[in-house]
């Protein structure tokens, strides 16, 4: 199975990665009611539409509809 990452490895990386800190390296995030909002790193925008939910380790942009997180891999 050369060249493929095992589901166990993906799960381990997901569990140990702080998704807010990781995404915060690409865009400024602001905490609102336990979740985080910022301008989307995938497209240019002036008002924040990018949502990060750390409890679920997921993100979603209401502008361009890009999203992902642990649920996409497991």
PDB file of N, CA and C in Angstrom:
ATOM      1  N   UNK A   1       0.840  -1.185   0.000  1.00  0.00           N
ATOM      2  CA  UNK A   1       0.000   0.000   0.000  1.00  0.00           C
ATOM      3  C   UNK A   1       0.883   1.247   0.000  1.00  0.00           C
ATOM      4  N   UNK A   2       1.879   1.272  -0.831  1.00  0.00           N
ATOM      5  CA  UNK A   2       2.805   2.402  -0.903  1.00  0.00           C
ATOM      6  C   UNK A   2       2.098   3.642  -1.430  1.00  0.00           C
ATOM      7  N   UNK A   3       2.429   4.775  -0.836  1.00  0.00           N
ATOM      8  CA  UNK A   3       1.893   6.050  -1.309  1.00  0.00           C
ATOM      9  C   UNK A   3       0.566   6.436  -0.692  1.00  0.00           C
ATOM     10  N   UNK A   4      -0.032   5.590   0.118  1.00  0.00           N
ATOM     11  CA  UNK A   4      -1.312   5.915   0.743  1.00  0.00           C
ATOM     12  C   UNK A   4      -1.124   6.094   2.243  1.00  0.00           C
ATOM     13  N   UNK A   5      -1.893   6.998   2.801  1.00  0.00           N
ATOM     14  CA  UNK A   5      -1.852   7.233   4.241  1.00  0.00           C
ATOM     15  C   UNK A   5      -2.994   6.440   4.866  1.00  0.00           C
ATOM     16  N   UNK A   6      -2.679   5.693   5.880  1.00  0.00           N
ATOM     17  CA  UNK A   6      -3.690   4.838   6.511  1.00  0.00           C
ATOM     18  C   UNK A   6      -4.737   5.688   7.236  1.00  0.00           C
ATOM     19  N   UNK A   7      -5.958   5.190   7.341  1.00  0.00           N
ATOM     20  CA  UNK A   7      -6.996   5.904   8.095  1.00  0.00           C
ATOM     21  C   UNK A   7      -6.593   6.143   9.551  1.00  0.00           C
ATOM     22  N   UNK A   8      -5.826   5.223  10.112  1.00  0.00           N
ATOM     23  CA  UNK A   8      -5.375   5.389  11.498  1.00  0.00           C
ATOM     24  C   UNK A   8      -4.448   6.593  11.634  1.00  0.00           C
ATOM     25  N   UNK A   9      -3.564   6.779  10.648  1.00  0.00           N
ATOM     26  CA  UNK A   9      -2.648   7.925  10.661  1.00  0.00           C
ATOM     27  C   UNK A   9      -3.412   9.222  10.491  1.00  0.00           C
ATOM     28  N   UNK A  10      -4.364   9.256   9.581  1.00  0.00           N
ATOM     29  CA  UNK A  10      -5.186  10.454   9.368  1.00  0.00           C
ATOM     30  C   UNK A  10      -5.931  10.803  10.653  1.00  0.00           C
ATOM     31  N   UNK A  11      -6.491   9.795  11.313  1.00  0.00           N
ATOM     32  CA  UNK A  11      -7.223  10.021  12.557  1.00  0.00           C
ATOM     33  C   UNK A  11      -6.294  10.570  13.644  1.00  0.00           C
ATOM     34  N   UNK A  12      -5.096  10.006  13.763  1.00  0.00           N
ATOM     35  CA  UNK A  12      -4.138  10.459  14.776  1.00  0.00           C
ATOM     36  C   UNK A  12      -3.727  11.907  14.541  1.00  0.00           C
ATOM     37  N   UNK A  13      -3.439  12.257  13.306  1.00  0.00           N
ATOM     38  CA  UNK A  13      -3.052  13.636  12.981  1.00  0.00           C
ATOM     39  C   UNK A  13      -4.208  14.582  13.288  1.00  0.00           C
ATOM     40  N   UNK A  14      -5.418  14.194  12.922  1.00  0.00           N
ATOM     41  CA  UNK A  14      -6.594  15.022  13.176  1.00  0.00           C
ATOM     42  C   UNK A  14      -6.807  15.256  14.667  1.00  0.00           C
ATOM     43  N   UNK A  15      -6.644  14.215  15.459  1.00  0.00           N
ATOM     44  CA  UNK A  15      -6.859  14.329  16.899  1.00  0.00           C
ATOM     45  C   UNK A  15      -5.830  15.237  17.573  1.00  0.00           C
ATOM     46  N   UNK A  16      -4.604  15.263  17.076  1.00  0.00           N
ATOM     47  CA  UNK A  16      -3.536  16.033  17.711  1.00  0.00           C
ATOM     48  C   UNK A  16      -3.330  17.422  17.107  1.00  0.00           C
ATOM     49  N   UNK A  17      -4.041  17.728  16.031  1.00  0.00           N
ATOM     50  CA  UNK A  17      -3.884  19.032  15.387  1.00  0.00           C
ATOM     51  C   UNK A  17      -4.907  20.019  15.926  1.00  0.00           C
ATOM     52  N   UNK A  18      -4.442  21.185  16.314  1.00  0.00           N
ATOM     53  CA  UNK A  18      -5.325  22.274  16.728  1.00  0.00           C
ATOM     54  C   UNK A  18      -5.771  22.984  15.452  1.00  0.00           C
ATOM     55  N   UNK A  19      -7.000  22.726  15.022  1.00  0.00           N
ATOM     56  CA  UNK A  19      -7.485  23.239  13.745  1.00  0.00           C
ATOM     57  C   UNK A  19      -7.525  24.769  13.729  1.00  0.00           C
ATOM     58  N   UNK A  20      -7.807  25.393  14.862  1.00  0.00           N
ATOM     59  CA  UNK A  20      -7.837  26.860  14.929  1.00  0.00           C
ATOM     60  C   UNK A  20      -6.431  27.421  14.736  1.00  0.00           C
ATOM     61  N   UNK A  21      -5.447  26.831  15.381  1.00  0.00           N
ATOM     62  CA  UNK A  21      -4.062  27.296  15.230  1.00  0.00           C
ATOM     63  C   UNK A  21      -3.576  27.079  13.798  1.00  0.00           C
ATOM     64  N   UNK A  22      -3.919  25.937  13.216  1.00  0.00           N
ATOM     65  CA  UNK A  22      -3.493  25.641  11.848  1.00  0.00           C
ATOM     66  C   UNK A  22      -4.096  26.629  10.854  1.00  0.00           C
ATOM     67  N   UNK A  23      -5.404  26.819  10.894  1.00  0.00           N
ATOM     68  CA  UNK A  23      -6.067  27.745   9.969  1.00  0.00           C
ATOM     69  C   UNK A  23      -5.653  29.176  10.273  1.00  0.00           C
ATOM     70  N   UNK A  24      -5.390  29.468  11.560  1.00  0.00           N
ATOM     71  CA  UNK A  24      -4.944  30.803  11.960  1.00  0.00           C
ATOM     72  C   UNK A  24      -3.607  31.203  11.356  1.00  0.00           C
ATOM     73  N   UNK A  25      -2.852  30.238  10.835  1.00  0.00           N
ATOM     74  CA  UNK A  25      -1.610  30.560  10.135  1.00  0.00           C
ATOM     75  C   UNK A  25      -1.889  31.121   8.739  1.00  0.00           C
ATOM     76  N   UNK A  26      -3.104  30.968   8.246  1.00  0.00           N
ATOM     77  CA  UNK A  26      -3.457  31.399   6.892  1.00  0.00           C
ATOM     78  C   UNK A  26      -4.437  32.558   6.857  1.00  0.00           C
ATOM     79  N   UNK A  27      -5.199  32.746   7.926  1.00  0.00           N
ATOM     80  CA  UNK A  27      -6.151  33.848   7.999  1.00  0.00           C
ATOM     81  C   UNK A  27      -6.412  34.189   9.458  1.00  0.00           C
ATOM     82  N   UNK A  28      -6.722  35.443   9.729  1.00  0.00           N
ATOM     83  CA  UNK A  28      -6.996  35.879  11.103  1.00  0.00           C
ATOM     84  C   UNK A  28      -8.391  35.422  11.497  1.00  0.00           C
ATOM     85  N   UNK A  29      -8.487  34.739  12.634  1.00  0.00           N
ATOM     86  CA  UNK A  29      -9.759  34.249  13.131  1.00  0.00           C
ATOM     87  C   UNK A  29     -10.151  34.987  14.400  1.00  0.00           C
ATOM     88  N   UNK A  30     -11.456  35.178  14.584  1.00  0.00           N
ATOM     89  CA  UNK A  30     -11.991  35.859  15.761  1.00  0.00           C
ATOM     90  C   UNK A  30     -13.011  34.937  16.420  1.00  0.00           C
ATOM     91  N   UNK A  31     -12.907  34.787  17.737  1.00  0.00           N
ATOM     92  CA  UNK A  31     -13.808  33.899  18.455  1.00  0.00           C
ATOM     93  C   UNK A  31     -15.162  34.560  18.671  1.00  0.00           C
ATOM     94  N   UNK A  32     -16.223  33.817  18.324  1.00  0.00           N
ATOM     95  CA  UNK A  32     -17.598  34.268  18.535  1.00  0.00           C
ATOM     96  C   UNK A  32     -18.407  33.079  19.036  1.00  0.00           C
ATOM     97  N   UNK A  33     -18.875  33.152  20.257  1.00  0.00           N
ATOM     98  CA  UNK A  33     -19.727  32.112  20.853  1.00  0.00           C
ATOM     99  C   UNK A  33     -19.122  30.716  20.783  1.00  0.00           C
ATOM    100  N   UNK A  34     -17.859  30.589  21.051  1.00  0.00           N
ATOM    101  CA  UNK A  34     -17.209  29.286  21.093  1.00  0.00           C
ATOM    102  C   UNK A  34     -16.668  28.795  19.770  1.00  0.00           C
ATOM    103  N   UNK A  35     -17.076  29.408  18.673  1.00  0.00           N
ATOM    104  CA  UNK A  35     -16.570  29.045  17.358  1.00  0.00           C
ATOM    105  C   UNK A  35     -15.741  30.212  16.826  1.00  0.00           C
ATOM    106  N   UNK A  36     -15.128  30.031  15.684  1.00  0.00           N
ATOM    107  CA  UNK A  36     -14.205  31.022  15.141  1.00  0.00           C
ATOM    108  C   UNK A  36     -14.643  31.451  13.745  1.00  0.00           C
ATOM    109  N   UNK A  37     -14.491  32.742  13.452  1.00  0.00           N
ATOM    110  CA  UNK A  37     -14.866  33.305  12.156  1.00  0.00           C
ATOM    111  C   UNK A  37     -13.708  34.120  11.595  1.00  0.00           C
ATOM    112  N   UNK A  38     -13.607  34.149  10.282  1.00  0.00           N
ATOM    113  CA  UNK A  38     -12.588  34.954   9.628  1.00  0.00           C
ATOM    114  C   UNK A  38     -12.865  35.049   8.140  1.00  0.00           C
ATOM    115  N   UNK A  39     -12.009  35.779   7.448  1.00  0.00           N
ATOM    116  CA  UNK A  39     -12.105  35.853   5.990  1.00  0.00           C
ATOM    117  C   UNK A  39     -11.542  34.557   5.408  1.00  0.00           C
ATOM    118  N   UNK A  40     -12.191  34.073   4.382  1.00  0.00           N
ATOM    119  CA  UNK A  40     -11.835  32.788   3.785  1.00  0.00           C
ATOM    120  C   UNK A  40     -10.441  32.821   3.156  1.00  0.00           C
ATOM    121  N   UNK A  41      -9.617  31.817   3.441  1.00  0.00           N
ATOM    122  CA  UNK A  41      -8.293  31.748   2.819  1.00  0.00           C
ATOM    123  C   UNK A  41      -8.336  31.205   1.386  1.00  0.00           C
ATOM    124  N   UNK A  42      -9.507  30.751   0.926  1.00  0.00           N
ATOM    125  CA  UNK A  42      -9.626  30.177  -0.414  1.00  0.00           C
ATOM    126  C   UNK A  42     -10.036  31.187  -1.475  1.00  0.00           C
ATOM    127  N   UNK A  43     -10.603  32.329  -1.065  1.00  0.00           N
ATOM    128  CA  UNK A  43     -10.980  33.370  -2.027  1.00  0.00           C
ATOM    129  C   UNK A  43     -10.907  34.732  -1.325  1.00  0.00           C
ATOM    130  N   UNK A  44     -10.863  35.780  -2.112  1.00  0.00           N
ATOM    131  CA  UNK A  44     -10.756  37.139  -1.565  1.00  0.00           C
ATOM    132  C   UNK A  44     -12.135  37.621  -1.125  1.00  0.00           C
ATOM    133  N   UNK A  45     -12.232  38.104   0.098  1.00  0.00           N
ATOM    134  CA  UNK A  45     -13.484  38.676   0.591  1.00  0.00           C
ATOM    135  C   UNK A  45     -13.185  39.769   1.608  1.00  0.00           C
ATOM    136  N   UNK A  46     -14.144  40.657   1.797  1.00  0.00           N
ATOM    137  CA  UNK A  46     -13.957  41.776   2.713  1.00  0.00           C
ATOM    138  C   UNK A  46     -14.608  41.540   4.069  1.00  0.00           C
ATOM    139  N   UNK A  47     -15.641  40.706   4.110  1.00  0.00           N
ATOM    140  CA  UNK A  47     -16.305  40.409   5.376  1.00  0.00           C
ATOM    141  C   UNK A  47     -16.199  38.912   5.670  1.00  0.00           C
ATOM    142  N   UNK A  48     -16.005  38.551   6.921  1.00  0.00           N
ATOM    143  CA  UNK A  48     -15.809  37.148   7.277  1.00  0.00           C
ATOM    144  C   UNK A  48     -17.023  36.258   6.966  1.00  0.00           C
ATOM    145  N   UNK A  49     -16.772  35.184   6.245  1.00  0.00           N
ATOM    146  CA  UNK A  49     -17.808  34.177   6.004  1.00  0.00           C
ATOM    147  C   UNK A  49     -17.246  32.778   6.224  1.00  0.00           C
ATOM    148  N   UNK A  50     -16.042  32.715   6.774  1.00  0.00           N
ATOM    149  CA  UNK A  50     -15.346  31.454   6.994  1.00  0.00           C
ATOM    150  C   UNK A  50     -15.511  31.051   8.454  1.00  0.00           C
ATOM    151  N   UNK A  51     -16.048  29.863   8.685  1.00  0.00           N
ATOM    152  CA  UNK A  51     -16.450  29.378  10.003  1.00  0.00           C
ATOM    153  C   UNK A  51     -15.614  28.165  10.386  1.00  0.00           C
ATOM    154  N   UNK A  52     -15.066  28.168  11.605  1.00  0.00           N
ATOM    155  CA  UNK A  52     -14.289  27.040  12.100  1.00  0.00           C
ATOM    156  C   UNK A  52     -14.931  26.569  13.406  1.00  0.00           C
ATOM    157  N   UNK A  53     -15.231  25.279  13.473  1.00  0.00           N
ATOM    158  CA  UNK A  53     -15.835  24.703  14.666  1.00  0.00           C
ATOM    159  C   UNK A  53     -14.840  23.706  15.263  1.00  0.00           C
ATOM    160  N   UNK A  54     -14.058  24.148  16.262  1.00  0.00           N
ATOM    161  CA  UNK A  54     -12.997  23.290  16.794  1.00  0.00           C
ATOM    162  C   UNK A  54     -13.498  22.004  17.439  1.00  0.00           C
ATOM    163  N   UNK A  55     -14.666  22.012  18.059  1.00  0.00           N
ATOM    164  CA  UNK A  55     -15.172  20.798  18.711  1.00  0.00           C
ATOM    165  C   UNK A  55     -15.382  19.665  17.708  1.00  0.00           C
ATOM    166  N   UNK A  56     -15.759  20.022  16.494  1.00  0.00           N
ATOM    167  CA  UNK A  56     -15.977  19.026  15.439  1.00  0.00           C
ATOM    168  C   UNK A  56     -14.802  18.942  14.471  1.00  0.00           C
ATOM    169  N   UNK A  57     -13.785  19.777  14.705  1.00  0.00           N
ATOM    170  CA  UNK A  57     -12.603  19.821  13.839  1.00  0.00           C
ATOM    171  C   UNK A  57     -13.003  19.996  12.374  1.00  0.00           C
ATOM    172  N   UNK A  58     -13.864  20.984  12.120  1.00  0.00           N
ATOM    173  CA  UNK A  58     -14.318  21.219  10.762  1.00  0.00           C
ATOM    174  C   UNK A  58     -14.315  22.710  10.445  1.00  0.00           C
ATOM    175  N   UNK A  59     -14.350  23.013   9.133  1.00  0.00           N
ATOM    176  CA  UNK A  59     -14.417  24.396   8.675  1.00  0.00           C
ATOM    177  C   UNK A  59     -15.353  24.469   7.480  1.00  0.00           C
ATOM    178  N   UNK A  60     -15.903  25.678   7.255  1.00  0.00           N
ATOM    179  CA  UNK A  60     -16.806  25.875   6.113  1.00  0.00           C
ATOM    180  C   UNK A  60     -16.844  27.349   5.760  1.00  0.00           C
ATOM    181  N   UNK A  61     -16.860  27.643   4.477  1.00  0.00           N
ATOM    182  CA  UNK A  61     -17.015  29.018   4.005  1.00  0.00           C
ATOM    183  C   UNK A  61     -18.406  29.153   3.388  1.00  0.00           C
ATOM    184  N   UNK A  62     -19.178  30.089   3.918  1.00  0.00           N
ATOM    185  CA  UNK A  62     -20.514  30.323   3.397  1.00  0.00           C
ATOM    186  C   UNK A  62     -20.481  31.116   2.092  1.00  0.00           C
ATOM    187  N   UNK A  63     -19.316  31.636   1.720  1.00  0.00           N
ATOM    188  CA  UNK A  63     -19.178  32.379   0.467  1.00  0.00           C
ATOM    189  C   UNK A  63     -18.872  31.481  -0.716  1.00  0.00           C
ATOM    190  N   UNK A  64     -17.816  30.685  -0.613  1.00  0.00           N
ATOM    191  CA  UNK A  64     -17.393  29.839  -1.738  1.00  0.00           C
ATOM    192  C   UNK A  64     -17.750  28.365  -1.537  1.00  0.00           C
ATOM    193  N   UNK A  65     -18.285  28.021  -0.365  1.00  0.00           N
ATOM    194  CA  UNK A  65     -18.750  26.668  -0.038  1.00  0.00           C
ATOM    195  C   UNK A  65     -17.630  25.634   0.089  1.00  0.00           C
ATOM    196  N   UNK A  66     -16.401  26.097   0.311  1.00  0.00           N
ATOM    197  CA  UNK A  66     -15.308  25.167   0.611  1.00  0.00           C
ATOM    198  C   UNK A  66     -15.469  24.731   2.060  1.00  0.00           C
ATOM    199  N   UNK A  67     -15.196  23.491   2.332  1.00  0.00           N
ATOM    200  CA  UNK A  67     -15.310  23.002   3.691  1.00  0.00           C
ATOM    201  C   UNK A  67     -14.567  21.697   3.854  1.00  0.00           C
ATOM    202  N   UNK A  68     -14.404  21.298   5.068  1.00  0.00           N
ATOM    203  CA  UNK A  68     -13.743  20.037   5.338  1.00  0.00           C
ATOM    204  C   UNK A  68     -13.475  19.861   6.805  1.00  0.00           C
ATOM    205  N   UNK A  69     -12.750  18.832   7.087  1.00  0.00           N
ATOM    206  CA  UNK A  69     -12.413  18.521   8.456  1.00  0.00           C
ATOM    207  C   UNK A  69     -12.373  17.031   8.663  1.00  0.00           C
ATOM    208  N   UNK A  70     -12.321  16.658   9.903  1.00  0.00           N
ATOM    209  CA  UNK A  70     -12.174  15.242  10.247  1.00  0.00           C
ATOM    210  C   UNK A  70     -13.279  14.403   9.640  1.00  0.00           C
ATOM    211  N   UNK A  71     -14.511  14.894   9.583  1.00  0.00           N
ATOM    212  CA  UNK A  71     -15.612  14.089   9.067  1.00  0.00           C
ATOM    213  C   UNK A  71     -15.408  13.705   7.599  1.00  0.00           C
ATOM    214  N   UNK A  72     -14.607  14.438   6.868  1.00  0.00           N
ATOM    215  CA  UNK A  72     -14.359  14.132   5.465  1.00  0.00           C
ATOM    216  C   UNK A  72     -13.376  12.973   5.284  1.00  0.00           C
ATOM    217  N   UNK A  73     -12.613  12.659   6.324  1.00  0.00           N
ATOM    218  CA  UNK A  73     -11.588  11.631   6.210  1.00  0.00           C
ATOM    219  C   UNK A  73     -11.983  10.325   6.877  1.00  0.00           C
ATOM    220  N   UNK A  74     -12.912  10.373   7.825  1.00  0.00           N
ATOM    221  CA  UNK A  74     -13.240   9.174   8.597  1.00  0.00           C
ATOM    222  C   UNK A  74     -14.589   8.627   8.209  1.00  0.00           C
TER     223      UNK A  74
END
